Amino acid sequence: MSEIQPNVSEHEARAAAEGGPRDHLGGAVVPARTVPGQADLGLIHPWPEPDAEEQERGEKFLAALERFLREQVDAERIERDAAHPRSAIIQGLRELGAFGIKILREYGGLELSQYTYCRAHGR
């Protein structure tokens, strides 16, 4: 796969991101050119590098989450009955650390990346 070469400097990219339009609360407004299918990935510089140690921990968590959902959660029953055994599912997720995916480890969380957090939500 060919590497995307930035057509702007890191300084120019940072200035564009920090100086872009803001909403009424001061948050950044996403420019139209970043809409899916229209993103100019050449504007991302430097490209973020994943942390190998975090990815390893994330893969272990995602495997455990996948196993829990497959073995302990009866999705068909939940769908059929429009109800679920809340306490068992919540307790299982609590034991996996699923409620602390992005919380720092020093506070008892898993301290995983936004990428891993999104992957967990896709399960």
PDB file of N, CA and C in Angstrom:
ATOM      1  N   MET A   1       0.854  -1.172   0.000  1.00  0.00           N
ATOM      2  CA  MET A   1       0.000   0.000   0.000  1.00  0.00           C
ATOM      3  C   MET A   1       0.897   1.231   0.000  1.00  0.00           C
ATOM      4  N   SER A   2       0.555   2.207  -0.805  1.00  0.00           N
ATOM      5  CA  SER A   2       1.362   3.424  -0.872  1.00  0.00           C
ATOM      6  C   SER A   2       1.054   4.332   0.311  1.00  0.00           C
ATOM      7  N   GLU A   3       2.065   4.992   0.764  1.00  0.00           N
ATOM      8  CA  GLU A   3       1.920   5.902   1.897  1.00  0.00           C
ATOM      9  C   GLU A   3       1.397   7.244   1.399  1.00  0.00           C
ATOM     10  N   ILE A   4       0.462   7.805   2.132  1.00  0.00           N
ATOM     11  CA  ILE A   4      -0.084   9.119   1.771  1.00  0.00           C
ATOM     12  C   ILE A   4       0.910  10.182   2.202  1.00  0.00           C
ATOM     13  N   GLN A   5       1.272  11.034   1.288  1.00  0.00           N
ATOM     14  CA  GLN A   5       2.197  12.118   1.579  1.00  0.00           C
ATOM     15  C   GLN A   5       1.392  13.382   1.867  1.00  0.00           C
ATOM     16  N   PRO A   6       1.647  14.036   2.989  1.00  0.00           N
ATOM     17  CA  PRO A   6       0.915  15.257   3.303  1.00  0.00           C
ATOM     18  C   PRO A   6       1.260  16.375   2.330  1.00  0.00           C
ATOM     19  N   ASN A   7       0.256  17.169   1.999  1.00  0.00           N
ATOM     20  CA  ASN A   7       0.514  18.311   1.117  1.00  0.00           C
ATOM     21  C   ASN A   7       0.551  19.608   1.910  1.00  0.00           C
ATOM     22  N   VAL A   8       0.521  19.476   3.227  1.00  0.00           N
ATOM     23  CA  VAL A   8       0.664  20.634   4.114  1.00  0.00           C
ATOM     24  C   VAL A   8       1.638  20.251   5.216  1.00  0.00           C
ATOM     25  N   SER A   9       2.235  21.247   5.820  1.00  0.00           N
ATOM     26  CA  SER A   9       3.167  20.977   6.916  1.00  0.00           C
ATOM     27  C   SER A   9       2.376  20.685   8.196  1.00  0.00           C
ATOM     28  N   GLU A  10       3.072  20.127   9.176  1.00  0.00           N
ATOM     29  CA  GLU A  10       2.448  19.869  10.467  1.00  0.00           C
ATOM     30  C   GLU A  10       1.925  21.182  11.067  1.00  0.00           C
ATOM     31  N   HIS A  11       2.706  22.233  10.923  1.00  0.00           N
ATOM     32  CA  HIS A  11       2.317  23.546  11.457  1.00  0.00           C
ATOM     33  C   HIS A  11       1.025  24.035  10.791  1.00  0.00           C
ATOM     34  N   GLU A  12       0.953  23.906   9.457  1.00  0.00           N
ATOM     35  CA  GLU A  12      -0.246  24.344   8.728  1.00  0.00           C
ATOM     36  C   GLU A  12      -1.469  23.513   9.125  1.00  0.00           C
ATOM     37  N   ALA A  13      -1.283  22.199   9.287  1.00  0.00           N
ATOM     38  CA  ALA A  13      -2.395  21.323   9.674  1.00  0.00           C
ATOM     39  C   ALA A  13      -2.895  21.682  11.074  1.00  0.00           C
ATOM     40  N   ARG A  14      -1.956  21.895  11.994  1.00  0.00           N
ATOM     41  CA  ARG A  14      -2.338  22.239  13.370  1.00  0.00           C
ATOM     42  C   ARG A  14      -3.046  23.593  13.421  1.00  0.00           C
ATOM     43  N   ALA A  15      -2.542  24.553  12.663  1.00  0.00           N
ATOM     44  CA  ALA A  15      -3.166  25.881  12.627  1.00  0.00           C
ATOM     45  C   ALA A  15      -4.580  25.794  12.060  1.00  0.00           C
ATOM     46  N   ALA A  16      -4.760  24.972  11.032  1.00  0.00           N
ATOM     47  CA  ALA A  16      -6.100  24.815  10.442  1.00  0.00           C
ATOM     48  C   ALA A  16      -7.051  24.175  11.439  1.00  0.00           C
ATOM     49  N   ALA A  17      -6.564  23.165  12.179  1.00  0.00           N
ATOM     50  CA  ALA A  17      -7.423  22.478  13.154  1.00  0.00           C
ATOM     51  C   ALA A  17      -7.764  23.384  14.331  1.00  0.00           C
ATOM     52  N   GLU A  18      -6.780  24.108  14.826  1.00  0.00           N
ATOM     53  CA  GLU A  18      -6.994  24.944  16.004  1.00  0.00           C
ATOM     54  C   GLU A  18      -7.688  26.254  15.671  1.00  0.00           C
ATOM     55  N   GLY A  19      -7.550  26.722  14.460  1.00  0.00           N
ATOM     56  CA  GLY A  19      -8.126  28.006  14.092  1.00  0.00           C
ATOM     57  C   GLY A  19      -9.410  27.899  13.303  1.00  0.00           C
ATOM     58  N   GLY A  20      -9.928  26.684  13.172  1.00  0.00           N
ATOM     59  CA  GLY A  20     -11.136  26.465  12.389  1.00  0.00           C
ATOM     60  C   GLY A  20     -12.378  27.024  13.063  1.00  0.00           C
ATOM     61  N   PRO A  21     -13.504  26.920  12.377  1.00  0.00           N
ATOM     62  CA  PRO A  21     -14.752  27.447  12.922  1.00  0.00           C
ATOM     63  C   PRO A  21     -15.168  26.730  14.201  1.00  0.00           C
ATOM     64  N   ARG A  22     -15.868  27.448  15.056  1.00  0.00           N
ATOM     65  CA  ARG A  22     -16.330  26.912  16.347  1.00  0.00           C
ATOM     66  C   ARG A  22     -17.843  27.034  16.429  1.00  0.00           C
ATOM     67  N   ASP A  23     -18.446  26.114  17.198  1.00  0.00           N
ATOM     68  CA  ASP A  23     -19.885  26.212  17.414  1.00  0.00           C
ATOM     69  C   ASP A  23     -20.148  27.175  18.574  1.00  0.00           C
ATOM     70  N   HIS A  24     -21.408  27.322  18.965  1.00  0.00           N
ATOM     71  CA  HIS A  24     -21.751  28.289  20.014  1.00  0.00           C
ATOM     72  C   HIS A  24     -21.182  27.931  21.380  1.00  0.00           C
ATOM     73  N   LEU A  25     -20.698  26.678  21.569  1.00  0.00           N
ATOM     74  CA  LEU A  25     -20.104  26.284  22.838  1.00  0.00           C
ATOM     75  C   LEU A  25     -18.577  26.301  22.785  1.00  0.00           C
ATOM     76  N   GLY A  26     -18.034  26.690  21.628  1.00  0.00           N
ATOM     77  CA  GLY A  26     -16.591  26.754  21.489  1.00  0.00           C
ATOM     78  C   GLY A  26     -15.961  25.497  20.932  1.00  0.00           C
ATOM     79  N   GLY A  27     -16.783  24.479  20.617  1.00  0.00           N
ATOM     80  CA  GLY A  27     -16.252  23.250  20.049  1.00  0.00           C
ATOM     81  C   GLY A  27     -15.964  23.404  18.572  1.00  0.00           C
ATOM     82  N   ALA A  28     -15.035  22.602  18.086  1.00  0.00           N
ATOM     83  CA  ALA A  28     -14.676  22.666  16.662  1.00  0.00           C
ATOM     84  C   ALA A  28     -15.841  22.179  15.806  1.00  0.00           C
ATOM     85  N   VAL A  29     -16.060  22.850  14.698  1.00  0.00           N
ATOM     86  CA  VAL A  29     -17.061  22.453  13.727  1.00  0.00           C
ATOM     87  C   VAL A  29     -16.341  21.662  12.642  1.00  0.00           C
ATOM     88  N   VAL A  30     -16.855  20.475  12.332  1.00  0.00           N
ATOM     89  CA  VAL A  30     -16.205  19.615  11.347  1.00  0.00           C
ATOM     90  C   VAL A  30     -16.444  20.166   9.955  1.00  0.00           C
ATOM     91  N   PRO A  31     -15.392  20.447   9.208  1.00  0.00           N
ATOM     92  CA  PRO A  31     -15.573  20.968   7.853  1.00  0.00           C
ATOM     93  C   PRO A  31     -16.227  19.939   6.936  1.00  0.00           C
ATOM     94  N   ALA A  32     -16.934  20.400   5.928  1.00  0.00           N
ATOM     95  CA  ALA A  32     -17.653  19.520   5.009  1.00  0.00           C
ATOM     96  C   ALA A  32     -16.720  18.526   4.327  1.00  0.00           C
ATOM     97  N   ARG A  33     -15.468  18.890   4.109  1.00  0.00           N
ATOM     98  CA  ARG A  33     -14.579  17.987   3.387  1.00  0.00           C
ATOM     99  C   ARG A  33     -14.180  16.761   4.204  1.00  0.00           C
ATOM    100  N   THR A  34     -14.590  16.675   5.468  1.00  0.00           N
ATOM    101  CA  THR A  34     -14.301  15.494   6.268  1.00  0.00           C
ATOM    102  C   THR A  34     -15.487  14.554   6.344  1.00  0.00           C
ATOM    103  N   VAL A  35     -16.538  14.829   5.608  1.00  0.00           N
ATOM    104  CA  VAL A  35     -17.690  13.935   5.547  1.00  0.00           C
ATOM    105  C   VAL A  35     -17.216  12.605   4.963  1.00  0.00           C
ATOM    106  N   PRO A  36     -17.700  11.450   5.490  1.00  0.00           N
ATOM    107  CA  PRO A  36     -17.267  10.162   4.947  1.00  0.00           C
ATOM    108  C   PRO A  36     -17.363  10.126   3.428  1.00  0.00           C
ATOM    109  N   GLY A  37     -16.308   9.634   2.818  1.00  0.00           N
ATOM    110  CA  GLY A  37     -16.258   9.569   1.367  1.00  0.00           C
ATOM    111  C   GLY A  37     -15.658  10.808   0.746  1.00  0.00           C
ATOM    112  N   GLN A  38     -15.504  11.863   1.534  1.00  0.00           N
ATOM    113  CA  GLN A  38     -14.958  13.108   1.015  1.00  0.00           C
ATOM    114  C   GLN A  38     -13.746  13.575   1.819  1.00  0.00           C
ATOM    115  N   ALA A  39     -13.275  12.743   2.730  1.00  0.00           N
ATOM    116  CA  ALA A  39     -12.173  13.142   3.592  1.00  0.00           C
ATOM    117  C   ALA A  39     -10.877  13.276   2.800  1.00  0.00           C
ATOM    118  N   ASP A  40     -10.155  14.330   3.054  1.00  0.00           N
ATOM    119  CA  ASP A  40      -8.842  14.535   2.449  1.00  0.00           C
ATOM    120  C   ASP A  40      -7.814  14.076   3.478  1.00  0.00           C
ATOM    121  N   LEU A  41      -7.472  12.783   3.420  1.00  0.00           N
ATOM    122  CA  LEU A  41      -6.571  12.209   4.413  1.00  0.00           C
ATOM    123  C   LEU A  41      -5.171  12.801   4.342  1.00  0.00           C
ATOM    124  N   GLY A  42      -4.855  13.489   3.258  1.00  0.00           N
ATOM    125  CA  GLY A  42      -3.567  14.150   3.146  1.00  0.00           C
ATOM    126  C   GLY A  42      -3.413  15.293   4.133  1.00  0.00           C
ATOM    127  N   LEU A  43      -4.519  15.756   4.723  1.00  0.00           N
ATOM    128  CA  LEU A  43      -4.457  16.847   5.693  1.00  0.00           C
ATOM    129  C   LEU A  43      -4.043  16.354   7.084  1.00  0.00           C
ATOM    130  N   ILE A  44      -4.051  15.043   7.296  1.00  0.00           N
ATOM    131  CA  ILE A  44      -3.682  14.494   8.606  1.00  0.00           C
ATOM    132  C   ILE A  44      -2.175  14.307   8.624  1.00  0.00           C
ATOM    133  N   HIS A  45      -1.521  15.129   9.428  1.00  0.00           N
ATOM    134  CA  HIS A  45      -0.062  15.068   9.514  1.00  0.00           C
ATOM    135  C   HIS A  45       0.381  15.583  10.873  1.00  0.00           C
ATOM    136  N   PRO A  46       1.161  14.895  11.605  1.00  0.00           N
ATOM    137  CA  PRO A  46       1.637  13.548  11.304  1.00  0.00           C
ATOM    138  C   PRO A  46       0.532  12.522  11.562  1.00  0.00           C
ATOM    139  N   TRP A  47       0.556  11.432  10.803  1.00  0.00           N
ATOM    140  CA  TRP A  47      -0.437  10.375  10.962  1.00  0.00           C
ATOM    141  C   TRP A  47      -0.209   9.708  12.311  1.00  0.00           C
ATOM    142  N   PRO A  48      -1.257   9.528  13.124  1.00  0.00           N
ATOM    143  CA  PRO A  48      -1.070   8.939  14.463  1.00  0.00           C
ATOM    144  C   PRO A  48      -0.615   7.488  14.377  1.00  0.00           C
ATOM    145  N   GLU A  49       0.326   7.143  15.213  1.00  0.00           N
ATOM    146  CA  GLU A  49       0.833   5.775  15.275  1.00  0.00           C
ATOM    147  C   GLU A  49       0.189   5.071  16.468  1.00  0.00           C
ATOM    148  N   PRO A  50      -0.345   3.869  16.273  1.00  0.00           N
ATOM    149  CA  PRO A  50      -0.948   3.148  17.399  1.00  0.00           C
ATOM    150  C   PRO A  50       0.121   2.698  18.380  1.00  0.00           C
ATOM    151  N   ASP A  51      -0.242   2.668  19.630  1.00  0.00           N
ATOM    152  CA  ASP A  51       0.653   2.221  20.681  1.00  0.00           C
ATOM    153  C   ASP A  51       0.562   0.700  20.762  1.00  0.00           C
ATOM    154  N   ALA A  52       1.668   0.012  20.552  1.00  0.00           N
ATOM    155  CA  ALA A  52       1.674  -1.455  20.494  1.00  0.00           C
ATOM    156  C   ALA A  52       1.192  -2.083  21.802  1.00  0.00           C
ATOM    157  N   GLU A  53       1.621  -1.555  22.927  1.00  0.00           N
ATOM    158  CA  GLU A  53       1.227  -2.116  24.229  1.00  0.00           C
ATOM    159  C   GLU A  53      -0.267  -1.949  24.452  1.00  0.00           C
ATOM    160  N   GLU A  54      -0.813  -0.785  24.104  1.00  0.00           N
ATOM    161  CA  GLU A  54      -2.260  -0.550  24.258  1.00  0.00           C
ATOM    162  C   GLU A  54      -3.031  -1.469  23.326  1.00  0.00           C
ATOM    163  N   GLN A  55      -2.547  -1.662  22.119  1.00  0.00           N
ATOM    164  CA  GLN A  55      -3.239  -2.538  21.177  1.00  0.00           C
ATOM    165  C   GLN A  55      -3.279  -3.968  21.688  1.00  0.00           C
ATOM    166  N   GLU A  56      -2.205  -4.427  22.295  1.00  0.00           N
ATOM    167  CA  GLU A  56      -2.167  -5.779  22.851  1.00  0.00           C
ATOM    168  C   GLU A  56      -3.195  -5.922  23.976  1.00  0.00           C
ATOM    169  N   ARG A  57      -3.221  -4.932  24.882  1.00  0.00           N
ATOM    170  CA  ARG A  57      -4.208  -4.970  25.965  1.00  0.00           C
ATOM    171  C   ARG A  57      -5.626  -4.880  25.403  1.00  0.00           C
ATOM    172  N   GLY A  58      -5.796  -4.037  24.366  1.00  0.00           N
ATOM    173  CA  GLY A  58      -7.107  -3.875  23.740  1.00  0.00           C
ATOM    174  C   GLY A  58      -7.600  -5.155  23.099  1.00  0.00           C
ATOM    175  N   GLU A  59      -6.712  -5.868  22.414  1.00  0.00           N
ATOM    176  CA  GLU A  59      -7.106  -7.134  21.773  1.00  0.00           C
ATOM    177  C   GLU A  59      -7.535  -8.161  22.820  1.00  0.00           C
ATOM    178  N   LYS A  60      -6.831  -8.207  23.953  1.00  0.00           N
ATOM    179  CA  LYS A  60      -7.209  -9.138  25.033  1.00  0.00           C
ATOM    180  C   LYS A  60      -8.587  -8.779  25.579  1.00  0.00           C
ATOM    181  N   PHE A  61      -8.826  -7.486  25.796  1.00  0.00           N
ATOM    182  CA  PHE A  61     -10.132  -7.050  26.290  1.00  0.00           C
ATOM    183  C   PHE A  61     -11.230  -7.389  25.286  1.00  0.00           C
ATOM    184  N   LEU A  62     -11.002  -7.085  24.006  1.00  0.00           N
ATOM    185  CA  LEU A  62     -12.017  -7.340  22.988  1.00  0.00           C
ATOM    186  C   LEU A  62     -12.315  -8.827  22.851  1.00  0.00           C
ATOM    187  N   ALA A  63     -11.300  -9.680  22.983  1.00  0.00           N
ATOM    188  CA  ALA A  63     -11.514 -11.133  22.933  1.00  0.00           C
ATOM    189  C   ALA A  63     -12.368 -11.582  24.118  1.00  0.00           C
ATOM    190  N   ALA A  64     -12.078 -11.044  25.307  1.00  0.00           N
ATOM    191  CA  ALA A  64     -12.861 -11.393  26.494  1.00  0.00           C
ATOM    192  C   ALA A  64     -14.302 -10.885  26.361  1.00  0.00           C
ATOM    193  N   LEU A  65     -14.467  -9.678  25.834  1.00  0.00           N
ATOM    194  CA  LEU A  65     -15.803  -9.119  25.630  1.00  0.00           C
ATOM    195  C   LEU A  65     -16.587  -9.979  24.635  1.00  0.00           C
ATOM    196  N   GLU A  66     -15.952 -10.338  23.546  1.00  0.00           N
ATOM    197  CA  GLU A  66     -16.580 -11.178  22.518  1.00  0.00           C
ATOM    198  C   GLU A  66     -17.029 -12.509  23.126  1.00  0.00           C
ATOM    199  N   ARG A  67     -16.156 -13.134  23.909  1.00  0.00           N
ATOM    200  CA  ARG A  67     -16.466 -14.411  24.559  1.00  0.00           C
ATOM    201  C   ARG A  67     -17.656 -14.248  25.512  1.00  0.00           C
ATOM    202  N   PHE A  68     -17.639 -13.194  26.315  1.00  0.00           N
ATOM    203  CA  PHE A  68     -18.741 -12.948  27.250  1.00  0.00           C
ATOM    204  C   PHE A  68     -20.065 -12.787  26.507  1.00  0.00           C
ATOM    205  N   LEU A  69     -20.060 -11.974  25.468  1.00  0.00           N
ATOM    206  CA  LEU A  69     -21.300 -11.732  24.724  1.00  0.00           C
ATOM    207  C   LEU A  69     -21.809 -13.008  24.067  1.00  0.00           C
ATOM    208  N   ARG A  70     -20.901 -13.802  23.536  1.00  0.00           N
ATOM    209  CA  ARG A  70     -21.293 -15.044  22.869  1.00  0.00           C
ATOM    210  C   ARG A  70     -21.803 -16.086  23.858  1.00  0.00           C
ATOM    211  N   GLU A  71     -21.146 -16.202  25.012  1.00  0.00           N
ATOM    212  CA  GLU A  71     -21.458 -17.270  25.957  1.00  0.00           C
ATOM    213  C   GLU A  71     -22.491 -16.894  27.022  1.00  0.00           C
ATOM    214  N   GLN A  72     -22.600 -15.616  27.361  1.00  0.00           N
ATOM    215  CA  GLN A  72     -23.442 -15.219  28.484  1.00  0.00           C
ATOM    216  C   GLN A  72     -24.672 -14.389  28.119  1.00  0.00           C
ATOM    217  N   VAL A  73     -24.710 -13.861  26.912  1.00  0.00           N
ATOM    218  CA  VAL A  73     -25.811 -12.981  26.526  1.00  0.00           C
ATOM    219  C   VAL A  73     -26.613 -13.673  25.418  1.00  0.00           C
ATOM    220  N   ASP A  74     -27.891 -13.924  25.688  1.00  0.00           N
ATOM    221  CA  ASP A  74     -28.780 -14.559  24.714  1.00  0.00           C
ATOM    222  C   ASP A  74     -29.502 -13.456  23.933  1.00  0.00           C
ATOM    223  N   ALA A  75     -28.872 -13.003  22.868  1.00  0.00           N
ATOM    224  CA  ALA A  75     -29.413 -11.886  22.094  1.00  0.00           C
ATOM    225  C   ALA A  75     -30.786 -12.208  21.503  1.00  0.00           C
ATOM    226  N   GLU A  76     -30.979 -13.442  21.060  1.00  0.00           N
ATOM    227  CA  GLU A  76     -32.283 -13.818  20.491  1.00  0.00           C
ATOM    228  C   GLU A  76     -33.383 -13.731  21.543  1.00  0.00           C
ATOM    229  N   ARG A  77     -33.097 -14.176  22.759  1.00  0.00           N
ATOM    230  CA  ARG A  77     -34.090 -14.095  23.845  1.00  0.00           C
ATOM    231  C   ARG A  77     -34.403 -12.634  24.194  1.00  0.00           C
ATOM    232  N   ILE A  78     -33.357 -11.828  24.261  1.00  0.00           N
ATOM    233  CA  ILE A  78     -33.545 -10.410  24.566  1.00  0.00           C
ATOM    234  C   ILE A  78     -34.440  -9.773  23.507  1.00  0.00           C
ATOM    235  N   GLU A  79     -34.170 -10.081  22.250  1.00  0.00           N
ATOM    236  CA  GLU A  79     -34.969  -9.536  21.148  1.00  0.00           C
ATOM    237  C   GLU A  79     -36.412 -10.040  21.223  1.00  0.00           C
ATOM    238  N   ARG A  80     -36.568 -11.330  21.450  1.00  0.00           N
ATOM    239  CA  ARG A  80     -37.904 -11.940  21.503  1.00  0.00           C
ATOM    240  C   ARG A  80     -38.739 -11.395  22.673  1.00  0.00           C
ATOM    241  N   ASP A  81     -38.131 -11.349  23.844  1.00  0.00           N
ATOM    242  CA  ASP A  81     -38.860 -10.953  25.047  1.00  0.00           C
ATOM    243  C   ASP A  81     -38.850  -9.443  25.297  1.00  0.00           C
ATOM    244  N   ALA A  82     -38.083  -8.717  24.519  1.00  0.00           N
ATOM    245  CA  ALA A  82     -37.916  -7.264  24.699  1.00  0.00           C
ATOM    246  C   ALA A  82     -37.505  -6.948  26.136  1.00  0.00           C
ATOM    247  N   ALA A  83     -36.688  -7.826  26.699  1.00  0.00           N
ATOM    248  CA  ALA A  83     -36.175  -7.650  28.059  1.00  0.00           C
ATOM    249  C   ALA A  83     -34.872  -8.444  28.177  1.00  0.00           C
ATOM    250  N   HIS A  84     -34.088  -8.114  29.158  1.00  0.00           N
ATOM    251  CA  HIS A  84     -32.852  -8.855  29.376  1.00  0.00           C
ATOM    252  C   HIS A  84     -32.563  -8.956  30.863  1.00  0.00           C
ATOM    253  N   PRO A  85     -31.789  -9.989  31.248  1.00  0.00           N
ATOM    254  CA  PRO A  85     -31.417 -10.145  32.655  1.00  0.00           C
ATOM    255  C   PRO A  85     -30.373  -9.094  33.033  1.00  0.00           C
ATOM    256  N   ARG A  86     -30.862  -7.905  33.280  1.00  0.00           N
ATOM    257  CA  ARG A  86     -30.000  -6.742  33.478  1.00  0.00           C
ATOM    258  C   ARG A  86     -28.865  -6.982  34.469  1.00  0.00           C
ATOM    259  N   SER A  87     -29.163  -7.509  35.624  1.00  0.00           N
ATOM    260  CA  SER A  87     -28.124  -7.620  36.647  1.00  0.00           C
ATOM    261  C   SER A  87     -26.989  -8.537  36.212  1.00  0.00           C
ATOM    262  N   ALA A  88     -27.279  -9.652  35.555  1.00  0.00           N
ATOM    263  CA  ALA A  88     -26.228 -10.572  35.123  1.00  0.00           C
ATOM    264  C   ALA A  88     -25.362  -9.950  34.032  1.00  0.00           C
ATOM    265  N   ILE A  89     -25.984  -9.278  33.088  1.00  0.00           N
ATOM    266  CA  ILE A  89     -25.222  -8.648  32.008  1.00  0.00           C
ATOM    267  C   ILE A  89     -24.383  -7.498  32.549  1.00  0.00           C
ATOM    268  N   ILE A  90     -24.985  -6.658  33.361  1.00  0.00           N
ATOM    269  CA  ILE A  90     -24.255  -5.512  33.937  1.00  0.00           C
ATOM    270  C   ILE A  90     -23.082  -6.000  34.774  1.00  0.00           C
ATOM    271  N   GLN A  91     -23.310  -7.028  35.597  1.00  0.00           N
ATOM    272  CA  GLN A  91     -22.236  -7.545  36.439  1.00  0.00           C
ATOM    273  C   GLN A  91     -21.104  -8.118  35.585  1.00  0.00           C
ATOM    274  N   GLY A  92     -21.453  -8.841  34.538  1.00  0.00           N
ATOM    275  CA  GLY A  92     -20.434  -9.396  33.650  1.00  0.00           C
ATOM    276  C   GLY A  92     -19.615  -8.317  32.976  1.00  0.00           C
ATOM    277  N   LEU A  93     -20.284  -7.282  32.484  1.00  0.00           N
ATOM    278  CA  LEU A  93     -19.575  -6.164  31.860  1.00  0.00           C
ATOM    279  C   LEU A  93     -18.703  -5.442  32.881  1.00  0.00           C
ATOM    280  N   ARG A  94     -19.207  -5.306  34.102  1.00  0.00           N
ATOM    281  CA  ARG A  94     -18.433  -4.664  35.176  1.00  0.00           C
ATOM    282  C   ARG A  94     -17.158  -5.459  35.448  1.00  0.00           C
ATOM    283  N   GLU A  95     -17.292  -6.788  35.525  1.00  0.00           N
ATOM    284  CA  GLU A  95     -16.130  -7.634  35.802  1.00  0.00           C
ATOM    285  C   GLU A  95     -15.091  -7.567  34.681  1.00  0.00           C
ATOM    286  N   LEU A  96     -15.543  -7.384  33.448  1.00  0.00           N
ATOM    287  CA  LEU A  96     -14.623  -7.239  32.321  1.00  0.00           C
ATOM    288  C   LEU A  96     -13.920  -5.879  32.312  1.00  0.00           C
ATOM    289  N   GLY A  97     -14.484  -4.917  33.011  1.00  0.00           N
ATOM    290  CA  GLY A  97     -13.942  -3.567  32.996  1.00  0.00           C
ATOM    291  C   GLY A  97     -14.507  -2.711  31.881  1.00  0.00           C
ATOM    292  N   ALA A  98     -15.611  -3.159  31.283  1.00  0.00           N
ATOM    293  CA  ALA A  98     -16.184  -2.477  30.124  1.00  0.00           C
ATOM    294  C   ALA A  98     -16.660  -1.057  30.422  1.00  0.00           C
ATOM    295  N   PHE A  99     -16.933  -0.741  31.671  1.00  0.00           N
ATOM    296  CA  PHE A  99     -17.389   0.607  31.999  1.00  0.00           C
ATOM    297  C   PHE A  99     -16.223   1.563  32.254  1.00  0.00           C
ATOM    298  N   GLY A 100     -15.009   1.034  32.157  1.00  0.00           N
ATOM    299  CA  GLY A 100     -13.831   1.864  32.371  1.00  0.00           C
ATOM    300  C   GLY A 100     -12.853   1.779  31.217  1.00  0.00           C
ATOM    301  N   ILE A 101     -13.366   1.560  30.019  1.00  0.00           N
ATOM    302  CA  ILE A 101     -12.491   1.387  28.859  1.00  0.00           C
ATOM    303  C   ILE A 101     -11.534   2.560  28.706  1.00  0.00           C
ATOM    304  N   LYS A 102     -12.021   3.773  28.839  1.00  0.00           N
ATOM    305  CA  LYS A 102     -11.189   4.955  28.606  1.00  0.00           C
ATOM    306  C   LYS A 102     -10.670   5.592  29.895  1.00  0.00           C
ATOM    307  N   ILE A 103     -11.018   5.024  31.030  1.00  0.00           N
ATOM    308  CA  ILE A 103     -10.567   5.551  32.323  1.00  0.00           C
ATOM    309  C   ILE A 103      -9.110   5.138  32.550  1.00  0.00           C
ATOM    310  N   LEU A 104      -8.300   6.048  33.069  1.00  0.00           N
ATOM    311  CA  LEU A 104      -6.896   5.753  33.344  1.00  0.00           C
ATOM    312  C   LEU A 104      -6.757   4.561  34.289  1.00  0.00           C
ATOM    313  N   ARG A 105      -5.707   3.773  34.074  1.00  0.00           N
ATOM    314  CA  ARG A 105      -5.478   2.589  34.927  1.00  0.00           C
ATOM    315  C   ARG A 105      -5.260   2.979  36.382  1.00  0.00           C
ATOM    316  N   GLU A 106      -4.659   4.130  36.609  1.00  0.00           N
ATOM    317  CA  GLU A 106      -4.414   4.545  37.996  1.00  0.00           C
ATOM    318  C   GLU A 106      -5.722   4.766  38.768  1.00  0.00           C
ATOM    319  N   TYR A 107      -6.828   4.913  38.049  1.00  0.00           N
ATOM    320  CA  TYR A 107      -8.141   5.065  38.683  1.00  0.00           C
ATOM    321  C   TYR A 107      -8.994   3.814  38.529  1.00  0.00           C
ATOM    322  N   GLY A 108      -8.373   2.706  38.140  1.00  0.00           N
ATOM    323  CA  GLY A 108      -9.078   1.441  38.050  1.00  0.00           C
ATOM    324  C   GLY A 108      -9.661   1.115  36.678  1.00  0.00           C
ATOM    325  N   GLY A 109      -9.385   1.953  35.693  1.00  0.00           N
ATOM    326  CA  GLY A 109      -9.902   1.707  34.346  1.00  0.00           C
ATOM    327  C   GLY A 109      -8.951   0.883  33.498  1.00  0.00           C
ATOM    328  N   LEU A 110      -9.326   0.682  32.255  1.00  0.00           N
ATOM    329  CA  LEU A 110      -8.508  -0.087  31.328  1.00  0.00           C
ATOM    330  C   LEU A 110      -7.535   0.781  30.535  1.00  0.00           C
ATOM    331  N   GLU A 111      -7.819   2.077  30.460  1.00  0.00           N
ATOM    332  CA  GLU A 111      -6.985   3.053  29.741  1.00  0.00           C
ATOM    333  C   GLU A 111      -6.697   2.597  28.314  1.00  0.00           C
ATOM    334  N   LEU A 112      -7.776   2.321  27.580  1.00  0.00           N
ATOM    335  CA  LEU A 112      -7.655   1.928  26.183  1.00  0.00           C
ATOM    336  C   LEU A 112      -7.975   3.118  25.288  1.00  0.00           C
ATOM    337  N   SER A 113      -7.597   3.023  24.030  1.00  0.00           N
ATOM    338  CA  SER A 113      -7.757   4.125  23.090  1.00  0.00           C
ATOM    339  C   SER A 113      -9.201   4.296  22.615  1.00  0.00           C
ATOM    340  N   GLN A 114      -9.448   5.441  21.997  1.00  0.00           N
ATOM    341  CA  GLN A 114     -10.750   5.696  21.381  1.00  0.00           C
ATOM    342  C   GLN A 114     -11.040   4.656  20.305  1.00  0.00           C
ATOM    343  N   TYR A 115     -10.007   4.237  19.598  1.00  0.00           N
ATOM    344  CA  TYR A 115     -10.145   3.222  18.564  1.00  0.00           C
ATOM    345  C   TYR A 115     -10.680   1.917  19.162  1.00  0.00           C
ATOM    346  N   THR A 116     -10.084   1.473  20.264  1.00  0.00           N
ATOM    347  CA  THR A 116     -10.529   0.245  20.925  1.00  0.00           C
ATOM    348  C   THR A 116     -11.924   0.428  21.499  1.00  0.00           C
ATOM    349  N   TYR A 117     -12.190   1.599  22.050  1.00  0.00           N
ATOM    350  CA  TYR A 117     -13.528   1.910  22.581  1.00  0.00           C
ATOM    351  C   TYR A 117     -14.585   1.753  21.491  1.00  0.00           C
ATOM    352  N   CYS A 118     -14.316   2.285  20.306  1.00  0.00           N
ATOM    353  CA  CYS A 118     -15.261   2.179  19.190  1.00  0.00           C
ATOM    354  C   CYS A 118     -15.412   0.742  18.735  1.00  0.00           C
ATOM    355  N   ARG A 119     -14.326   0.007  18.715  1.00  0.00           N
ATOM    356  CA  ARG A 119     -14.404  -1.411  18.336  1.00  0.00           C
ATOM    357  C   ARG A 119     -15.246  -2.194  19.330  1.00  0.00           C
ATOM    358  N   ALA A 120     -15.144  -1.872  20.622  1.00  0.00           N
ATOM    359  CA  ALA A 120     -15.950  -2.559  21.635  1.00  0.00           C
ATOM    360  C   ALA A 120     -17.441  -2.278  21.426  1.00  0.00           C
ATOM    361  N   HIS A 121     -17.765  -1.054  21.067  1.00  0.00           N
ATOM    362  CA  HIS A 121     -19.168  -0.695  20.836  1.00  0.00           C
ATOM    363  C   HIS A 121     -19.752  -1.377  19.613  1.00  0.00           C
ATOM    364  N   GLY A 122     -18.888  -1.810  18.713  1.00  0.00           N
ATOM    365  CA  GLY A 122     -19.347  -2.495  17.522  1.00  0.00           C
ATOM    366  C   GLY A 122     -19.621  -3.976  17.732  1.00  0.00           C
ATOM    367  N   ARG A 123     -19.389  -4.460  18.941  1.00  0.00           N
ATOM    368  CA  ARG A 123     -19.570  -5.894  19.216  1.00  0.00           C
ATOM    369  C   ARG A 123     -21.008  -6.229  19.336  1.00  0.00           C
TER     370      ARG A 123
END
